[in-house]
């Protein structure tokens, strides 16, 4: 997976996207999330509460990608540990 795109984010600093993820992001279905407020009508009472589903989805995607990488690292380290244990027991 080649990371070719970056989006600036106030929480995650930069969100990195592959070309496939960018295609999904540019789709009309995903862009529609820009107009759906995460906190419903709260932004009418609290002007700073302007979060929308689009921003929330980007953050969720970033966290899921980070977690996927962590799971992969754990799996690889466990496989290495199993091989080391087998070598030690010989």
N, C-alpha and C. Protein backbone atom coordinates (compact mmCIF):
# COMPACT_ATOMS: atom_id res chain seq x y z
N UNK A 1 0.85 -1.17 0.00
CA UNK A 1 0.00 0.00 0.00
C UNK A 1 0.90 1.24 0.00
N UNK A 2 0.80 2.01 -1.04
CA UNK A 2 1.60 3.21 -1.14
C UNK A 2 0.82 4.40 -0.60
N UNK A 3 1.40 5.08 0.39
CA UNK A 3 0.75 6.26 0.95
C UNK A 3 1.14 7.46 0.11
N UNK A 4 0.17 8.03 -0.56
CA UNK A 4 0.49 9.10 -1.48
C UNK A 4 -0.18 10.43 -1.12
N UNK A 5 -1.09 10.42 -0.20
CA UNK A 5 -1.84 11.64 0.11
C UNK A 5 -1.81 11.89 1.61
N UNK A 6 -1.78 13.15 1.99
CA UNK A 6 -1.84 13.53 3.40
C UNK A 6 -2.91 14.60 3.59
N UNK A 7 -3.64 14.49 4.68
CA UNK A 7 -4.65 15.49 5.03
C UNK A 7 -4.29 16.02 6.40
N UNK A 8 -4.26 17.32 6.54
CA UNK A 8 -3.95 17.97 7.82
C UNK A 8 -5.14 17.82 8.75
N UNK A 9 -4.85 17.40 9.99
CA UNK A 9 -5.90 17.18 10.98
C UNK A 9 -5.45 17.77 12.31
N UNK A 10 -6.32 18.49 13.03
CA UNK A 10 -5.89 19.10 14.29
C UNK A 10 -5.57 18.10 15.39
N UNK A 11 -6.12 16.91 15.33
CA UNK A 11 -5.88 15.91 16.38
C UNK A 11 -4.76 14.96 15.98
N UNK A 12 -4.82 14.41 14.78
CA UNK A 12 -3.86 13.40 14.34
C UNK A 12 -2.70 14.00 13.55
N UNK A 13 -2.61 15.30 13.46
CA UNK A 13 -1.60 16.06 12.72
C UNK A 13 -1.74 15.81 11.22
N UNK A 14 -1.30 14.66 10.75
CA UNK A 14 -1.48 14.31 9.34
C UNK A 14 -2.12 12.94 9.24
N UNK A 15 -3.14 12.83 8.40
CA UNK A 15 -3.77 11.55 8.11
C UNK A 15 -3.26 11.13 6.74
N UNK A 16 -2.63 9.97 6.68
CA UNK A 16 -2.06 9.48 5.42
C UNK A 16 -3.05 8.55 4.74
N UNK A 17 -3.20 8.75 3.44
CA UNK A 17 -4.16 7.97 2.66
C UNK A 17 -3.46 7.29 1.48
N UNK A 18 -3.91 6.09 1.18
CA UNK A 18 -3.47 5.43 -0.05
C UNK A 18 -4.33 5.96 -1.20
N UNK A 19 -3.97 5.62 -2.40
CA UNK A 19 -4.76 6.06 -3.56
C UNK A 19 -6.17 5.48 -3.52
N UNK A 20 -6.31 4.23 -3.05
CA UNK A 20 -7.63 3.61 -2.95
C UNK A 20 -8.50 4.34 -1.92
N UNK A 21 -7.89 4.68 -0.79
CA UNK A 21 -8.64 5.40 0.24
C UNK A 21 -9.04 6.79 -0.26
N UNK A 22 -8.18 7.40 -1.03
CA UNK A 22 -8.49 8.73 -1.57
C UNK A 22 -9.67 8.66 -2.53
N UNK A 23 -9.76 7.57 -3.31
CA UNK A 23 -10.91 7.42 -4.22
C UNK A 23 -12.21 7.33 -3.43
N UNK A 24 -12.19 6.60 -2.32
CA UNK A 24 -13.38 6.49 -1.47
C UNK A 24 -13.71 7.86 -0.88
N UNK A 25 -12.69 8.55 -0.41
CA UNK A 25 -12.88 9.86 0.18
C UNK A 25 -13.48 10.86 -0.80
N UNK A 26 -13.13 10.77 -2.06
CA UNK A 26 -13.62 11.68 -3.08
C UNK A 26 -14.99 11.31 -3.63
N UNK A 27 -15.52 10.18 -3.22
CA UNK A 27 -16.82 9.74 -3.74
C UNK A 27 -17.94 10.64 -3.22
N UNK A 28 -19.00 10.81 -3.99
CA UNK A 28 -20.14 11.65 -3.55
C UNK A 28 -20.77 11.15 -2.25
N UNK A 29 -20.77 9.84 -2.05
CA UNK A 29 -21.38 9.27 -0.84
C UNK A 29 -20.59 9.71 0.40
N UNK A 30 -19.27 9.70 0.31
CA UNK A 30 -18.45 10.09 1.45
C UNK A 30 -18.49 11.60 1.64
N UNK A 31 -18.47 12.35 0.56
CA UNK A 31 -18.52 13.81 0.64
C UNK A 31 -19.82 14.31 1.26
N UNK A 32 -20.86 13.54 1.13
CA UNK A 32 -22.15 13.89 1.72
C UNK A 32 -22.08 14.00 3.24
N UNK A 33 -21.10 13.31 3.84
CA UNK A 33 -20.94 13.34 5.30
C UNK A 33 -20.55 14.72 5.81
N UNK A 34 -20.06 15.59 4.93
CA UNK A 34 -19.69 16.95 5.33
C UNK A 34 -20.89 17.74 5.85
N UNK A 35 -22.09 17.37 5.42
CA UNK A 35 -23.30 18.12 5.75
C UNK A 35 -24.12 17.50 6.87
N UNK A 36 -23.60 16.44 7.46
CA UNK A 36 -24.29 15.79 8.57
C UNK A 36 -23.50 16.11 9.85
N UNK A 37 -24.13 16.81 10.77
CA UNK A 37 -23.45 17.23 12.00
C UNK A 37 -23.33 16.07 12.97
N UNK A 38 -22.15 15.93 13.54
CA UNK A 38 -21.88 14.86 14.51
C UNK A 38 -22.69 15.09 15.79
N UNK A 39 -22.85 16.34 16.18
CA UNK A 39 -23.53 16.66 17.44
C UNK A 39 -24.92 17.25 17.23
N UNK A 40 -25.54 16.89 16.13
CA UNK A 40 -26.91 17.35 15.79
C UNK A 40 -26.99 18.87 15.80
N UNK A 41 -27.89 19.43 16.57
CA UNK A 41 -28.10 20.88 16.58
C UNK A 41 -27.29 21.61 17.65
N UNK A 42 -26.37 20.93 18.29
CA UNK A 42 -25.56 21.53 19.35
C UNK A 42 -24.79 22.75 18.86
N UNK A 43 -24.41 22.75 17.59
CA UNK A 43 -23.64 23.88 17.06
C UNK A 43 -24.43 25.19 17.11
N UNK A 44 -25.76 25.11 17.22
CA UNK A 44 -26.57 26.32 17.33
C UNK A 44 -26.44 26.97 18.72
N UNK A 45 -26.16 26.16 19.73
CA UNK A 45 -25.99 26.66 21.09
C UNK A 45 -24.52 26.96 21.38
N UNK A 46 -23.63 26.04 20.94
CA UNK A 46 -22.19 26.18 21.15
C UNK A 46 -21.52 26.36 19.79
N UNK A 47 -21.14 27.56 19.43
CA UNK A 47 -20.59 27.82 18.09
C UNK A 47 -19.34 27.01 17.75
N UNK A 48 -18.60 26.57 18.76
CA UNK A 48 -17.39 25.78 18.51
C UNK A 48 -17.67 24.32 18.20
N UNK A 49 -18.89 23.87 18.42
CA UNK A 49 -19.24 22.46 18.21
C UNK A 49 -19.67 22.25 16.76
N UNK A 50 -18.72 22.36 15.85
CA UNK A 50 -19.03 22.27 14.42
C UNK A 50 -18.58 20.96 13.80
N UNK A 51 -18.43 19.93 14.60
CA UNK A 51 -17.94 18.65 14.10
C UNK A 51 -18.97 18.01 13.17
N UNK A 52 -18.47 17.43 12.09
CA UNK A 52 -19.39 16.74 11.18
C UNK A 52 -18.95 15.30 11.00
N UNK A 53 -19.79 14.51 10.38
CA UNK A 53 -19.51 13.08 10.19
C UNK A 53 -18.29 12.86 9.30
N UNK A 54 -18.03 13.76 8.39
CA UNK A 54 -16.87 13.65 7.51
C UNK A 54 -15.58 13.67 8.34
N UNK A 55 -15.43 14.67 9.21
CA UNK A 55 -14.25 14.78 10.06
C UNK A 55 -14.14 13.57 10.98
N UNK A 56 -15.26 13.18 11.55
CA UNK A 56 -15.28 12.04 12.46
C UNK A 56 -14.83 10.76 11.73
N UNK A 57 -15.29 10.59 10.50
CA UNK A 57 -14.93 9.40 9.72
C UNK A 57 -13.44 9.38 9.37
N UNK A 58 -12.87 10.54 9.10
CA UNK A 58 -11.43 10.60 8.83
C UNK A 58 -10.63 10.18 10.06
N UNK A 59 -11.02 10.69 11.22
CA UNK A 59 -10.34 10.31 12.46
C UNK A 59 -10.49 8.83 12.77
N UNK A 60 -11.67 8.31 12.54
CA UNK A 60 -11.92 6.89 12.77
C UNK A 60 -11.07 6.04 11.84
N UNK A 61 -10.96 6.46 10.58
CA UNK A 61 -10.12 5.73 9.62
C UNK A 61 -8.66 5.72 10.06
N UNK A 62 -8.18 6.87 10.55
CA UNK A 62 -6.79 6.96 11.01
C UNK A 62 -6.54 6.03 12.19
N UNK A 63 -7.46 6.03 13.15
CA UNK A 63 -7.30 5.15 14.31
C UNK A 63 -7.37 3.68 13.93
N UNK A 64 -8.25 3.34 13.00
CA UNK A 64 -8.35 1.95 12.54
C UNK A 64 -7.07 1.53 11.82
N UNK A 65 -6.50 2.42 11.02
CA UNK A 65 -5.25 2.11 10.32
C UNK A 65 -4.11 1.90 11.31
N UNK A 66 -4.04 2.77 12.32
CA UNK A 66 -3.00 2.65 13.35
C UNK A 66 -3.16 1.33 14.10
N UNK A 67 -4.38 0.99 14.45
CA UNK A 67 -4.63 -0.26 15.18
C UNK A 67 -4.29 -1.47 14.32
N UNK A 68 -4.59 -1.40 13.02
CA UNK A 68 -4.25 -2.49 12.12
C UNK A 68 -2.75 -2.71 12.08
N UNK A 69 -1.98 -1.63 12.02
CA UNK A 69 -0.53 -1.75 12.02
C UNK A 69 -0.02 -2.35 13.33
N UNK A 70 -0.61 -1.93 14.45
CA UNK A 70 -0.21 -2.47 15.75
C UNK A 70 -0.51 -3.96 15.83
N UNK A 71 -1.67 -4.37 15.35
CA UNK A 71 -2.02 -5.80 15.36
C UNK A 71 -1.06 -6.60 14.49
N UNK A 72 -0.68 -6.04 13.35
CA UNK A 72 0.26 -6.72 12.46
C UNK A 72 1.62 -6.88 13.16
N UNK A 73 2.08 -5.84 13.83
CA UNK A 73 3.36 -5.91 14.55
C UNK A 73 3.33 -6.96 15.64
N UNK A 74 2.22 -7.02 16.38
CA UNK A 74 2.09 -8.01 17.45
C UNK A 74 2.11 -9.41 16.87
N UNK A 75 1.39 -9.62 15.76
CA UNK A 75 1.34 -10.94 15.13
C UNK A 75 2.73 -11.36 14.66
N UNK A 76 3.45 -10.45 14.03
CA UNK A 76 4.80 -10.76 13.54
C UNK A 76 5.72 -11.08 14.71
N UNK A 77 5.65 -10.29 15.78
CA UNK A 77 6.54 -10.55 16.92
C UNK A 77 6.20 -11.88 17.59
N UNK A 78 4.93 -12.26 17.63
CA UNK A 78 4.54 -13.55 18.21
C UNK A 78 5.05 -14.70 17.35
N UNK A 79 4.99 -14.53 16.02
CA UNK A 79 5.50 -15.57 15.14
C UNK A 79 6.99 -15.74 15.33
N UNK A 80 7.70 -14.64 15.48
CA UNK A 80 9.14 -14.71 15.72
C UNK A 80 9.41 -15.40 17.05
N UNK A 81 8.64 -15.05 18.08
CA UNK A 81 8.82 -15.67 19.39
C UNK A 81 8.58 -17.17 19.33
N UNK A 82 7.56 -17.60 18.58
CA UNK A 82 7.28 -19.04 18.45
C UNK A 82 8.45 -19.75 17.78
N UNK A 83 9.03 -19.13 16.75
CA UNK A 83 10.16 -19.74 16.05
C UNK A 83 11.37 -19.80 16.99
N UNK A 84 11.60 -18.78 17.80
CA UNK A 84 12.71 -18.77 18.74
C UNK A 84 12.53 -19.85 19.78
N UNK A 85 11.31 -20.04 20.26
CA UNK A 85 11.04 -21.08 21.27
C UNK A 85 11.32 -22.46 20.67
N UNK A 86 10.89 -22.68 19.42
CA UNK A 86 11.13 -23.97 18.78
C UNK A 86 12.64 -24.22 18.62
N UNK A 87 13.39 -23.19 18.27
CA UNK A 87 14.83 -23.33 18.11
C UNK A 87 15.51 -23.63 19.43
N UNK A 88 15.07 -23.00 20.51
CA UNK A 88 15.66 -23.22 21.83
C UNK A 88 15.37 -24.62 22.36
N UNK A 89 14.22 -25.18 21.99
CA UNK A 89 13.82 -26.49 22.49
C UNK A 89 14.49 -27.64 21.73
N UNK A 90 15.18 -27.36 20.67
CA UNK A 90 15.83 -28.43 19.90
C UNK A 90 17.07 -28.92 20.55
